[in-house]
């Protein structure tokens, strides 16, 4: 799944920090959508974990929108729908999607950590840690450098951001 363009509007500052905030915001929009899809395919403990993750991503999304405005930008809007990287017809595929979503969020926050300082960097590092922990729980194991898979030579198609799609699932 990949996010749509997060380029700032012509009247917005083109700072690396704002660009990274917008990219993280776009990734959070996609994660909120993805958890909305997979949540209906999980029940019990996994369903509760999916609801908690969905709520956490909504809160992070809202905070990033405020940050984008604080930096003088116009927060990137959510797309109507996102194309999933694979079909999610059942619980096991929903768990796999949750791990993919968290890996991709971790990548966006790794970029935000690099682009920020002070309290924003600390917050981004916390969000990266949370995504890595959720990913490890969904996957049943962890990775050495969460959020950096594509930089380690992994297939970008397997780890890239969420694809924007029209409501009918087409691009």
C-alpha atoms as a PDB file:
ATOM      1  CA  UNK A   1       0.000   0.000   0.000  1.00  0.00           C
ATOM      2  CA  UNK A   2       1.510   3.478  -0.704  1.00  0.00           C
ATOM      3  CA  UNK A   3       0.503   6.932   0.343  1.00  0.00           C
ATOM      4  CA  UNK A   4      -0.414   9.611  -2.110  1.00  0.00           C
ATOM      5  CA  UNK A   5       1.802  12.620  -2.619  1.00  0.00           C
ATOM      6  CA  UNK A   6       2.598  14.521   0.529  1.00  0.00           C
ATOM      7  CA  UNK A   7       4.112  17.529  -1.239  1.00  0.00           C
ATOM      8  CA  UNK A   8       3.155  20.763   0.475  1.00  0.00           C
ATOM      9  CA  UNK A   9       1.006  23.280  -1.352  1.00  0.00           C
ATOM     10  CA  UNK A  10       2.843  26.139  -3.058  1.00  0.00           C
ATOM     11  CA  UNK A  11       2.051  28.524  -0.205  1.00  0.00           C
ATOM     12  CA  UNK A  12       3.432  26.158   2.455  1.00  0.00           C
ATOM     13  CA  UNK A  13       6.954  26.079   3.794  1.00  0.00           C
ATOM     14  CA  UNK A  14       8.983  23.303   2.208  1.00  0.00           C
ATOM     15  CA  UNK A  15      10.930  22.278   5.318  1.00  0.00           C
ATOM     16  CA  UNK A  16      12.189  18.715   5.757  1.00  0.00           C
ATOM     17  CA  UNK A  17      10.346  18.605   9.073  1.00  0.00           C
ATOM     18  CA  UNK A  18       6.990  19.526   7.540  1.00  0.00           C
ATOM     19  CA  UNK A  19       7.538  17.061   4.706  1.00  0.00           C
ATOM     20  CA  UNK A  20       8.250  14.264   7.208  1.00  0.00           C
ATOM     21  CA  UNK A  21       5.233  15.237   9.322  1.00  0.00           C
ATOM     22  CA  UNK A  22       3.010  15.154   6.230  1.00  0.00           C
ATOM     23  CA  UNK A  23       4.396  11.737   5.228  1.00  0.00           C
ATOM     24  CA  UNK A  24       3.746  10.361   8.728  1.00  0.00           C
ATOM     25  CA  UNK A  25       0.247  11.863   8.639  1.00  0.00           C
ATOM     26  CA  UNK A  26      -0.457  10.216   5.280  1.00  0.00           C
ATOM     27  CA  UNK A  27       0.801   6.904   6.671  1.00  0.00           C
ATOM     28  CA  UNK A  28      -1.474   7.274   9.696  1.00  0.00           C
ATOM     29  CA  UNK A  29      -4.458   7.948   7.419  1.00  0.00           C
ATOM     30  CA  UNK A  30      -3.655   4.702   5.606  1.00  0.00           C
ATOM     31  CA  UNK A  31      -3.213   2.780   8.873  1.00  0.00           C
ATOM     32  CA  UNK A  32      -6.571   3.994  10.177  1.00  0.00           C
ATOM     33  CA  UNK A  33      -8.168   2.775   6.946  1.00  0.00           C
ATOM     34  CA  UNK A  34      -6.299  -0.545   7.078  1.00  0.00           C
ATOM     35  CA  UNK A  35      -7.293  -1.246  10.672  1.00  0.00           C
ATOM     36  CA  UNK A  36     -10.879  -0.459   9.724  1.00  0.00           C
ATOM     37  CA  UNK A  37     -10.683  -3.236   7.142  1.00  0.00           C
ATOM     38  CA  UNK A  38      -8.907  -5.840   9.231  1.00  0.00           C
ATOM     39  CA  UNK A  39     -10.721  -5.177  12.498  1.00  0.00           C
ATOM     40  CA  UNK A  40     -13.896  -6.812  11.259  1.00  0.00           C
ATOM     41  CA  UNK A  41     -12.026 -10.047  10.588  1.00  0.00           C
ATOM     42  CA  UNK A  42     -10.636 -10.445  14.101  1.00  0.00           C
ATOM     43  CA  UNK A  43     -12.373 -11.265  17.363  1.00  0.00           C
ATOM     44  CA  UNK A  44     -11.438 -11.959  20.948  1.00  0.00           C
ATOM     45  CA  UNK A  45      -7.999 -10.819  22.064  1.00  0.00           C
ATOM     46  CA  UNK A  46      -6.873 -10.010  18.530  1.00  0.00           C
ATOM     47  CA  UNK A  47     -10.012  -7.967  17.916  1.00  0.00           C
ATOM     48  CA  UNK A  48      -9.355  -5.980  21.077  1.00  0.00           C
ATOM     49  CA  UNK A  49      -5.730  -5.397  20.016  1.00  0.00           C
ATOM     50  CA  UNK A  50      -6.891  -4.220  16.588  1.00  0.00           C
ATOM     51  CA  UNK A  51      -9.371  -1.781  18.165  1.00  0.00           C
ATOM     52  CA  UNK A  52      -6.672  -0.426  20.493  1.00  0.00           C
ATOM     53  CA  UNK A  53      -4.256   0.006  17.569  1.00  0.00           C
ATOM     54  CA  UNK A  54      -6.977   1.697  15.499  1.00  0.00           C
ATOM     55  CA  UNK A  55      -7.631   4.148  18.344  1.00  0.00           C
ATOM     56  CA  UNK A  56      -3.889   4.797  18.783  1.00  0.00           C
ATOM     57  CA  UNK A  57      -3.457   5.520  15.073  1.00  0.00           C
ATOM     58  CA  UNK A  58      -6.449   7.873  15.062  1.00  0.00           C
ATOM     59  CA  UNK A  59      -4.944   9.782  17.991  1.00  0.00           C
ATOM     60  CA  UNK A  60      -1.523   9.970  16.302  1.00  0.00           C
ATOM     61  CA  UNK A  61      -3.188  11.084  13.058  1.00  0.00           C
ATOM     62  CA  UNK A  62      -4.982  13.906  14.833  1.00  0.00           C
ATOM     63  CA  UNK A  63      -1.795  14.993  16.635  1.00  0.00           C
ATOM     64  CA  UNK A  64       0.157  15.017  13.356  1.00  0.00           C
ATOM     65  CA  UNK A  65      -2.528  17.150  11.703  1.00  0.00           C
ATOM     66  CA  UNK A  66      -2.119  19.679  14.530  1.00  0.00           C
ATOM     67  CA  UNK A  67       1.668  19.546  14.130  1.00  0.00           C
ATOM     68  CA  UNK A  68       1.415  20.173  10.385  1.00  0.00           C
ATOM     69  CA  UNK A  69      -0.700  23.257  11.107  1.00  0.00           C
ATOM     70  CA  UNK A  70       1.742  24.389  13.814  1.00  0.00           C
ATOM     71  CA  UNK A  71       4.531  24.188  11.225  1.00  0.00           C
ATOM     72  CA  UNK A  72       2.539  26.411   8.855  1.00  0.00           C
ATOM     73  CA  UNK A  73       1.291  23.631   6.609  1.00  0.00           C
ATOM     74  CA  UNK A  74      -2.098  22.382   5.522  1.00  0.00           C
ATOM     75  CA  UNK A  75      -2.454  18.782   6.772  1.00  0.00           C
ATOM     76  CA  UNK A  76      -2.553  16.224   3.982  1.00  0.00           C
ATOM     77  CA  UNK A  77      -6.073  14.824   3.655  1.00  0.00           C
ATOM     78  CA  UNK A  78      -7.035  11.184   3.788  1.00  0.00           C
ATOM     79  CA  UNK A  79      -7.965   9.412   0.595  1.00  0.00           C
ATOM     80  CA  UNK A  80     -11.437   7.969   0.157  1.00  0.00           C
ATOM     81  CA  UNK A  81      -9.977   4.459   0.019  1.00  0.00           C
ATOM     82  CA  UNK A  82      -6.651   2.632  -0.136  1.00  0.00           C
ATOM     83  CA  UNK A  83      -5.687  -0.436  -2.135  1.00  0.00           C
ATOM     84  CA  UNK A  84      -4.589  -3.217   0.175  1.00  0.00           C
ATOM     85  CA  UNK A  85      -1.327  -5.058  -0.618  1.00  0.00           C
ATOM     86  CA  UNK A  86      -3.191  -8.382  -0.634  1.00  0.00           C
ATOM     87  CA  UNK A  87      -6.687  -9.736  -0.089  1.00  0.00           C
ATOM     88  CA  UNK A  88      -7.865  -9.846   3.517  1.00  0.00           C
ATOM     89  CA  UNK A  89     -10.638 -12.450   3.577  1.00  0.00           C
ATOM     90  CA  UNK A  90      -9.939 -13.946   7.023  1.00  0.00           C
ATOM     91  CA  UNK A  91      -8.231 -13.643  10.384  1.00  0.00           C
ATOM     92  CA  UNK A  92      -4.748 -14.834   9.381  1.00  0.00           C
ATOM     93  CA  UNK A  93      -4.563 -12.370   6.481  1.00  0.00           C
ATOM     94  CA  UNK A  94      -5.870  -9.616   8.776  1.00  0.00           C
ATOM     95  CA  UNK A  95      -3.047 -10.327  11.233  1.00  0.00           C
ATOM     96  CA  UNK A  96      -0.554 -10.232   8.360  1.00  0.00           C
ATOM     97  CA  UNK A  97      -1.973  -6.875   7.197  1.00  0.00           C
ATOM     98  CA  UNK A  98      -1.690  -5.463  10.723  1.00  0.00           C
ATOM     99  CA  UNK A  99       2.021  -6.351  10.791  1.00  0.00           C
ATOM    100  CA  UNK A 100       2.539  -4.730   7.368  1.00  0.00           C
ATOM    101  CA  UNK A 101       0.721  -1.560   8.470  1.00  0.00           C
ATOM    102  CA  UNK A 102       2.861  -1.272  11.578  1.00  0.00           C
ATOM    103  CA  UNK A 103       6.071  -1.846   9.597  1.00  0.00           C
ATOM    104  CA  UNK A 104       5.108   0.960   7.237  1.00  0.00           C
ATOM    105  CA  UNK A 105       4.175   3.316  10.053  1.00  0.00           C
ATOM    106  CA  UNK A 106       7.533   2.563  11.647  1.00  0.00           C
ATOM    107  CA  UNK A 107       9.222   3.655   8.405  1.00  0.00           C
ATOM    108  CA  UNK A 108       7.364   6.967   8.385  1.00  0.00           C
ATOM    109  CA  UNK A 109       8.287   7.619  11.998  1.00  0.00           C
ATOM    110  CA  UNK A 110      11.930   6.670  11.385  1.00  0.00           C
ATOM    111  CA  UNK A 111      11.975   9.417   8.744  1.00  0.00           C
ATOM    112  CA  UNK A 112      10.293  11.813  11.173  1.00  0.00           C
ATOM    113  CA  UNK A 113      12.902  11.057  13.844  1.00  0.00           C
ATOM    114  CA  UNK A 114      15.629  12.015  11.358  1.00  0.00           C
ATOM    115  CA  UNK A 115      13.867  15.254  10.363  1.00  0.00           C
ATOM    116  CA  UNK A 116      13.015  16.611  13.813  1.00  0.00           C
ATOM    117  CA  UNK A 117      14.622  17.676  17.060  1.00  0.00           C
ATOM    118  CA  UNK A 118      13.660  18.036  20.684  1.00  0.00           C
ATOM    119  CA  UNK A 119      10.145  17.113  21.785  1.00  0.00           C
ATOM    120  CA  UNK A 120       8.995  16.257  18.241  1.00  0.00           C
ATOM    121  CA  UNK A 121      11.905  13.828  17.825  1.00  0.00           C
ATOM    122  CA  UNK A 122      11.106  12.256  21.193  1.00  0.00           C
ATOM    123  CA  UNK A 123       7.456  11.867  20.189  1.00  0.00           C
ATOM    124  CA  UNK A 124       8.385  10.381  16.818  1.00  0.00           C
ATOM    125  CA  UNK A 125      10.778   7.938  18.501  1.00  0.00           C
ATOM    126  CA  UNK A 126       7.987   6.894  20.860  1.00  0.00           C
ATOM    127  CA  UNK A 127       5.624   6.338  17.932  1.00  0.00           C
ATOM    128  CA  UNK A 128       8.323   4.314  16.138  1.00  0.00           C
ATOM    129  CA  UNK A 129       8.792   2.170  19.241  1.00  0.00           C
ATOM    130  CA  UNK A 130       5.028   1.609  19.585  1.00  0.00           C
ATOM    131  CA  UNK A 131       4.733   0.585  15.936  1.00  0.00           C
ATOM    132  CA  UNK A 132       7.675  -1.795  16.283  1.00  0.00           C
ATOM    133  CA  UNK A 133       6.128  -3.416  19.370  1.00  0.00           C
ATOM    134  CA  UNK A 134       2.734  -3.798  17.667  1.00  0.00           C
ATOM    135  CA  UNK A 135       4.402  -5.214  14.563  1.00  0.00           C
ATOM    136  CA  UNK A 136       6.316  -7.750  16.642  1.00  0.00           C
ATOM    137  CA  UNK A 137       3.107  -8.784  18.423  1.00  0.00           C
ATOM    138  CA  UNK A 138       1.209  -9.233  15.163  1.00  0.00           C
ATOM    139  CA  UNK A 139       4.098 -11.036  13.489  1.00  0.00           C
ATOM    140  CA  UNK A 140       5.104 -13.125  16.481  1.00  0.00           C
ATOM    141  CA  UNK A 141       8.691 -11.845  16.221  1.00  0.00           C
ATOM    142  CA  UNK A 142      10.638  -8.680  15.665  1.00  0.00           C
ATOM    143  CA  UNK A 143      13.026  -7.173  13.141  1.00  0.00           C
ATOM    144  CA  UNK A 144      16.483  -5.732  13.841  1.00  0.00           C
ATOM    145  CA  UNK A 145      15.764  -2.206  12.573  1.00  0.00           C
ATOM    146  CA  UNK A 146      12.019  -1.437  12.570  1.00  0.00           C
ATOM    147  CA  UNK A 147      11.068   1.068   9.923  1.00  0.00           C
ATOM    148  CA  UNK A 148      14.254   0.591   7.950  1.00  0.00           C
ATOM    149  CA  UNK A 149      13.478  -2.569   5.953  1.00  0.00           C
ATOM    150  CA  UNK A 150      13.578  -0.818   2.567  1.00  0.00           C
ATOM    151  CA  UNK A 151      16.948   0.700   3.422  1.00  0.00           C
ATOM    152  CA  UNK A 152      18.317  -2.765   4.174  1.00  0.00           C
ATOM    153  CA  UNK A 153      17.644  -4.049   0.651  1.00  0.00           C
ATOM    154  CA  UNK A 154      14.144  -5.460   1.101  1.00  0.00           C
ATOM    155  CA  UNK A 155      11.739  -5.359  -1.809  1.00  0.00           C
ATOM    156  CA  UNK A 156      10.145  -1.863  -1.752  1.00  0.00           C
ATOM    157  CA  UNK A 157       6.918  -3.298  -3.137  1.00  0.00           C
ATOM    158  CA  UNK A 158       6.665  -5.466  -0.046  1.00  0.00           C
ATOM    159  CA  UNK A 159       7.414  -2.689   2.442  1.00  0.00           C
ATOM    160  CA  UNK A 160       6.377   0.526   0.696  1.00  0.00           C
ATOM    161  CA  UNK A 161       3.641   2.836   1.907  1.00  0.00           C
ATOM    162  CA  UNK A 162      -0.067   2.408   1.269  1.00  0.00           C
ATOM    163  CA  UNK A 163      -1.450   2.869  -2.279  1.00  0.00           C
ATOM    164  CA  UNK A 164      -4.106   5.492  -2.649  1.00  0.00           C
ATOM    165  CA  UNK A 165      -7.149   4.253  -4.493  1.00  0.00           C
ATOM    166  CA  UNK A 166     -10.538   5.456  -5.523  1.00  0.00           C
ATOM    167  CA  UNK A 167     -13.594   4.262  -3.673  1.00  0.00           C
ATOM    168  CA  UNK A 168     -13.992   1.532  -6.269  1.00  0.00           C
ATOM    169  CA  UNK A 169     -10.474   0.185  -5.517  1.00  0.00           C
ATOM    170  CA  UNK A 170      -8.904   1.526  -8.708  1.00  0.00           C
ATOM    171  CA  UNK A 171      -6.070   4.026  -8.906  1.00  0.00           C
END
